[in-house]
Amino acid sequence: MEVREAVSEQHGLQQVRECRPDLILLDLELPGVDVLHLLQALRSELNEKPVPIIVLSADPPTRNVLGNGRPTSVLQKPFAAPALLLLVRRALDAD
């Protein structure tokens, strides 16, 4: 697997356009980022080929987050590595 990290909302969208990822891990607590807007933008960019998005959050996500960008899964922090690996495996196997 190849892992890419984005340092900003724009950088993340640029990478999505360039590499068409198989999976996106998105932390809801990104500083200076409107995550609801980012989820919508990601889904808009990926409308031809839906990509699983796993949302990571310290708090239970709101209905806005769950409905707005329709993440594939939500994983509440702190979490054990096996829990993340299981969600990644399920998301990639669903393709």
N, C-alpha and C. Protein backbone atom coordinates (compact mmCIF):
# COMPACT_ATOMS: atom_id res chain seq x y z
N MET A 1 0.83 -1.18 0.00
CA MET A 1 0.00 0.00 0.00
C MET A 1 0.87 1.24 0.00
N GLU A 2 0.38 2.25 -0.65
CA GLU A 2 1.04 3.55 -0.62
C GLU A 2 0.18 4.49 0.20
N VAL A 3 0.79 5.21 1.10
CA VAL A 3 0.07 6.14 1.97
C VAL A 3 0.51 7.56 1.61
N ARG A 4 -0.45 8.45 1.47
CA ARG A 4 -0.16 9.86 1.24
C ARG A 4 -0.82 10.67 2.33
N GLU A 5 -0.16 11.74 2.71
CA GLU A 5 -0.68 12.61 3.75
C GLU A 5 -0.89 13.99 3.15
N ALA A 6 -2.00 14.60 3.51
CA ALA A 6 -2.28 15.96 3.05
C ALA A 6 -2.07 16.92 4.21
N VAL A 7 -1.48 18.09 3.91
CA VAL A 7 -1.20 19.06 4.95
C VAL A 7 -2.27 20.15 5.04
N SER A 8 -3.22 20.13 4.10
CA SER A 8 -4.30 21.12 4.11
C SER A 8 -5.47 20.56 3.32
N GLU A 9 -6.60 21.25 3.42
CA GLU A 9 -7.79 20.86 2.65
C GLU A 9 -7.49 20.88 1.15
N GLN A 10 -6.90 21.96 0.68
CA GLN A 10 -6.59 22.08 -0.76
C GLN A 10 -5.59 21.03 -1.21
N HIS A 11 -4.59 20.77 -0.38
CA HIS A 11 -3.60 19.74 -0.71
C HIS A 11 -4.25 18.37 -0.80
N GLY A 12 -5.17 18.09 0.12
CA GLY A 12 -5.89 16.82 0.08
C GLY A 12 -6.72 16.66 -1.18
N LEU A 13 -7.45 17.71 -1.55
CA LEU A 13 -8.27 17.65 -2.77
C LEU A 13 -7.38 17.50 -4.01
N GLN A 14 -6.24 18.18 -4.02
CA GLN A 14 -5.31 18.06 -5.14
C GLN A 14 -4.81 16.62 -5.26
N GLN A 15 -4.47 16.01 -4.14
CA GLN A 15 -3.99 14.63 -4.17
C GLN A 15 -5.07 13.67 -4.65
N VAL A 16 -6.30 13.92 -4.23
CA VAL A 16 -7.42 13.08 -4.68
C VAL A 16 -7.56 13.17 -6.20
N ARG A 17 -7.43 14.37 -6.74
CA ARG A 17 -7.52 14.55 -8.19
C ARG A 17 -6.39 13.84 -8.92
N GLU A 18 -5.20 13.89 -8.34
CA GLU A 18 -4.03 13.33 -9.00
C GLU A 18 -3.90 11.82 -8.88
N CYS A 19 -4.21 11.26 -7.71
CA CYS A 19 -3.89 9.84 -7.52
C CYS A 19 -5.12 8.94 -7.41
N ARG A 20 -6.32 9.51 -7.31
CA ARG A 20 -7.55 8.70 -7.19
C ARG A 20 -7.36 7.57 -6.18
N PRO A 21 -7.41 7.88 -4.90
CA PRO A 21 -7.12 6.89 -3.85
C PRO A 21 -8.16 5.78 -3.79
N ASP A 22 -7.78 4.69 -3.17
CA ASP A 22 -8.69 3.57 -2.94
C ASP A 22 -9.43 3.74 -1.62
N LEU A 23 -8.91 4.60 -0.73
CA LEU A 23 -9.47 4.79 0.60
C LEU A 23 -8.99 6.13 1.15
N ILE A 24 -9.85 6.80 1.91
CA ILE A 24 -9.48 8.05 2.57
C ILE A 24 -9.75 7.91 4.06
N LEU A 25 -8.74 8.26 4.87
CA LEU A 25 -8.90 8.39 6.32
C LEU A 25 -8.97 9.89 6.59
N LEU A 26 -10.03 10.33 7.26
CA LEU A 26 -10.24 11.76 7.48
C LEU A 26 -10.51 12.03 8.95
N ASP A 27 -9.65 12.83 9.56
CA ASP A 27 -9.81 13.20 10.96
C ASP A 27 -10.73 14.42 11.04
N LEU A 28 -11.75 14.35 11.88
CA LEU A 28 -12.70 15.45 12.00
C LEU A 28 -12.11 16.67 12.71
N GLU A 29 -11.01 16.50 13.42
CA GLU A 29 -10.44 17.60 14.19
C GLU A 29 -9.27 18.26 13.48
N LEU A 30 -9.35 18.41 12.18
CA LEU A 30 -8.28 19.07 11.44
C LEU A 30 -8.32 20.58 11.70
N PRO A 31 -7.21 21.17 12.10
CA PRO A 31 -7.22 22.61 12.40
C PRO A 31 -7.45 23.44 11.14
N GLY A 32 -8.36 24.39 11.26
CA GLY A 32 -8.62 25.31 10.16
C GLY A 32 -9.35 24.71 8.97
N VAL A 33 -9.98 23.56 9.15
CA VAL A 33 -10.67 22.90 8.04
C VAL A 33 -12.14 22.73 8.38
N ASP A 34 -13.01 23.12 7.46
CA ASP A 34 -14.43 22.85 7.58
C ASP A 34 -14.65 21.44 7.04
N VAL A 35 -14.68 20.48 7.94
CA VAL A 35 -14.71 19.07 7.53
C VAL A 35 -15.99 18.73 6.76
N LEU A 36 -17.11 19.34 7.11
CA LEU A 36 -18.34 19.08 6.36
C LEU A 36 -18.17 19.51 4.91
N HIS A 37 -17.57 20.67 4.70
CA HIS A 37 -17.32 21.14 3.34
C HIS A 37 -16.35 20.19 2.63
N LEU A 38 -15.31 19.76 3.35
CA LEU A 38 -14.33 18.86 2.76
C LEU A 38 -14.97 17.53 2.37
N LEU A 39 -15.83 16.98 3.20
CA LEU A 39 -16.53 15.73 2.85
C LEU A 39 -17.34 15.90 1.58
N GLN A 40 -18.06 17.01 1.48
CA GLN A 40 -18.85 17.27 0.27
C GLN A 40 -17.95 17.41 -0.95
N ALA A 41 -16.85 18.12 -0.80
CA ALA A 41 -15.92 18.31 -1.91
C ALA A 41 -15.30 16.99 -2.35
N LEU A 42 -14.95 16.15 -1.39
CA LEU A 42 -14.39 14.84 -1.72
C LEU A 42 -15.40 14.00 -2.49
N ARG A 43 -16.64 13.96 -2.01
CA ARG A 43 -17.66 13.18 -2.71
C ARG A 43 -17.92 13.73 -4.10
N SER A 44 -17.87 15.04 -4.24
CA SER A 44 -18.06 15.66 -5.55
C SER A 44 -16.92 15.27 -6.50
N GLU A 45 -15.69 15.31 -6.00
CA GLU A 45 -14.53 14.94 -6.81
C GLU A 45 -14.57 13.46 -7.21
N LEU A 46 -15.12 12.64 -6.33
CA LEU A 46 -15.07 11.19 -6.52
C LEU A 46 -16.39 10.61 -7.00
N ASN A 47 -17.25 11.43 -7.57
CA ASN A 47 -18.59 10.95 -7.93
C ASN A 47 -18.58 9.87 -8.99
N GLU A 48 -17.57 9.84 -9.85
CA GLU A 48 -17.50 8.80 -10.88
C GLU A 48 -17.12 7.45 -10.28
N LYS A 49 -16.22 7.48 -9.33
CA LYS A 49 -15.78 6.25 -8.66
C LYS A 49 -15.82 6.49 -7.16
N PRO A 50 -16.89 6.10 -6.50
CA PRO A 50 -16.97 6.31 -5.06
C PRO A 50 -15.79 5.67 -4.33
N VAL A 51 -15.27 6.39 -3.36
CA VAL A 51 -14.12 5.93 -2.57
C VAL A 51 -14.56 5.87 -1.11
N PRO A 52 -14.25 4.78 -0.43
CA PRO A 52 -14.60 4.70 0.99
C PRO A 52 -13.86 5.78 1.79
N ILE A 53 -14.60 6.42 2.71
CA ILE A 53 -14.02 7.42 3.59
C ILE A 53 -14.26 6.96 5.03
N ILE A 54 -13.19 6.77 5.77
CA ILE A 54 -13.28 6.42 7.19
C ILE A 54 -12.98 7.69 7.97
N VAL A 55 -13.95 8.11 8.76
CA VAL A 55 -13.82 9.33 9.56
C VAL A 55 -13.36 8.96 10.96
N LEU A 56 -12.33 9.69 11.44
CA LEU A 56 -11.79 9.50 12.77
C LEU A 56 -12.21 10.69 13.62
N SER A 57 -12.71 10.43 14.83
CA SER A 57 -13.19 11.52 15.65
C SER A 57 -13.05 11.20 17.13
N ALA A 58 -12.69 12.22 17.92
CA ALA A 58 -12.63 12.03 19.37
C ALA A 58 -14.02 12.02 19.98
N ASP A 59 -14.94 12.72 19.35
CA ASP A 59 -16.32 12.80 19.82
C ASP A 59 -17.23 12.05 18.86
N PRO A 60 -18.38 11.59 19.35
CA PRO A 60 -19.32 10.97 18.43
C PRO A 60 -19.71 11.99 17.35
N PRO A 61 -19.70 11.58 16.09
CA PRO A 61 -20.01 12.52 15.02
C PRO A 61 -21.47 12.95 15.05
N THR A 62 -21.72 14.15 14.59
CA THR A 62 -23.07 14.68 14.53
C THR A 62 -23.79 14.13 13.31
N ARG A 63 -25.09 14.33 13.28
CA ARG A 63 -25.87 13.91 12.11
C ARG A 63 -25.41 14.61 10.85
N ASN A 64 -24.96 15.88 11.00
CA ASN A 64 -24.47 16.62 9.84
C ASN A 64 -23.31 15.89 9.18
N VAL A 65 -22.38 15.40 9.99
CA VAL A 65 -21.23 14.69 9.46
C VAL A 65 -21.66 13.39 8.81
N LEU A 66 -22.52 12.66 9.47
CA LEU A 66 -22.93 11.36 8.95
C LEU A 66 -23.75 11.48 7.67
N GLY A 67 -24.55 12.53 7.55
CA GLY A 67 -25.39 12.67 6.38
C GLY A 67 -24.79 13.48 5.26
N ASN A 68 -23.94 14.43 5.61
CA ASN A 68 -23.45 15.39 4.63
C ASN A 68 -22.51 14.78 3.61
N GLY A 69 -21.51 14.07 4.06
CA GLY A 69 -20.54 13.50 3.14
C GLY A 69 -20.64 12.00 3.05
N ARG A 70 -21.52 11.43 3.85
CA ARG A 70 -21.74 10.00 3.89
C ARG A 70 -20.44 9.20 4.01
N PRO A 71 -19.75 9.34 5.16
CA PRO A 71 -18.55 8.51 5.32
C PRO A 71 -18.93 7.04 5.32
N THR A 72 -18.02 6.21 4.91
CA THR A 72 -18.24 4.77 4.90
C THR A 72 -18.32 4.24 6.32
N SER A 73 -17.41 4.73 7.18
CA SER A 73 -17.34 4.28 8.57
C SER A 73 -16.87 5.43 9.44
N VAL A 74 -17.17 5.31 10.72
CA VAL A 74 -16.69 6.28 11.71
C VAL A 74 -15.98 5.49 12.80
N LEU A 75 -14.79 5.95 13.16
CA LEU A 75 -14.02 5.29 14.21
C LEU A 75 -13.71 6.34 15.27
N GLN A 76 -14.18 6.07 16.49
CA GLN A 76 -14.01 7.03 17.56
C GLN A 76 -12.65 6.84 18.25
N LYS A 77 -11.96 7.97 18.47
CA LYS A 77 -10.66 7.94 19.15
C LYS A 77 -10.88 7.91 20.66
N PRO A 78 -9.99 7.34 21.41
CA PRO A 78 -8.86 6.54 20.96
C PRO A 78 -9.33 5.18 20.46
N PHE A 79 -8.58 4.62 19.57
CA PHE A 79 -8.93 3.30 19.03
C PHE A 79 -7.68 2.44 18.97
N ALA A 80 -7.90 1.15 18.96
CA ALA A 80 -6.79 0.19 18.83
C ALA A 80 -6.49 -0.01 17.35
N ALA A 81 -5.23 -0.22 17.04
CA ALA A 81 -4.81 -0.42 15.65
C ALA A 81 -5.61 -1.54 14.96
N PRO A 82 -5.89 -2.66 15.63
CA PRO A 82 -6.67 -3.71 14.96
C PRO A 82 -8.06 -3.23 14.52
N ALA A 83 -8.66 -2.32 15.27
CA ALA A 83 -9.98 -1.80 14.89
C ALA A 83 -9.88 -1.00 13.59
N LEU A 84 -8.85 -0.19 13.48
CA LEU A 84 -8.64 0.57 12.24
C LEU A 84 -8.36 -0.36 11.08
N LEU A 85 -7.50 -1.34 11.29
CA LEU A 85 -7.17 -2.28 10.22
C LEU A 85 -8.40 -3.05 9.76
N LEU A 86 -9.27 -3.41 10.68
CA LEU A 86 -10.49 -4.12 10.32
C LEU A 86 -11.38 -3.24 9.43
N LEU A 87 -11.56 -1.97 9.80
CA LEU A 87 -12.38 -1.07 8.98
C LEU A 87 -11.76 -0.84 7.60
N VAL A 88 -10.44 -0.70 7.56
CA VAL A 88 -9.76 -0.52 6.27
C VAL A 88 -9.97 -1.75 5.40
N ARG A 89 -9.78 -2.92 5.97
CA ARG A 89 -9.95 -4.17 5.22
C ARG A 89 -11.37 -4.30 4.69
N ARG A 90 -12.36 -4.01 5.55
CA ARG A 90 -13.77 -4.11 5.12
C ARG A 90 -14.07 -3.11 4.00
N ALA A 91 -13.57 -1.89 4.16
CA ALA A 91 -13.83 -0.86 3.15
C ALA A 91 -13.21 -1.23 1.80
N LEU A 92 -12.00 -1.76 1.82
CA LEU A 92 -11.33 -2.12 0.57
C LEU A 92 -11.93 -3.38 -0.03
N ASP A 93 -12.37 -4.31 0.79
CA ASP A 93 -12.99 -5.54 0.29
C ASP A 93 -14.37 -5.29 -0.31
N ALA A 94 -15.01 -4.19 0.10
CA ALA A 94 -16.36 -3.89 -0.41
C ALA A 94 -16.34 -3.42 -1.84
N ASP A 95 -15.17 -3.02 -2.33
CA ASP A 95 -15.07 -2.54 -3.72
C ASP A 95 -15.32 -3.61 -4.72
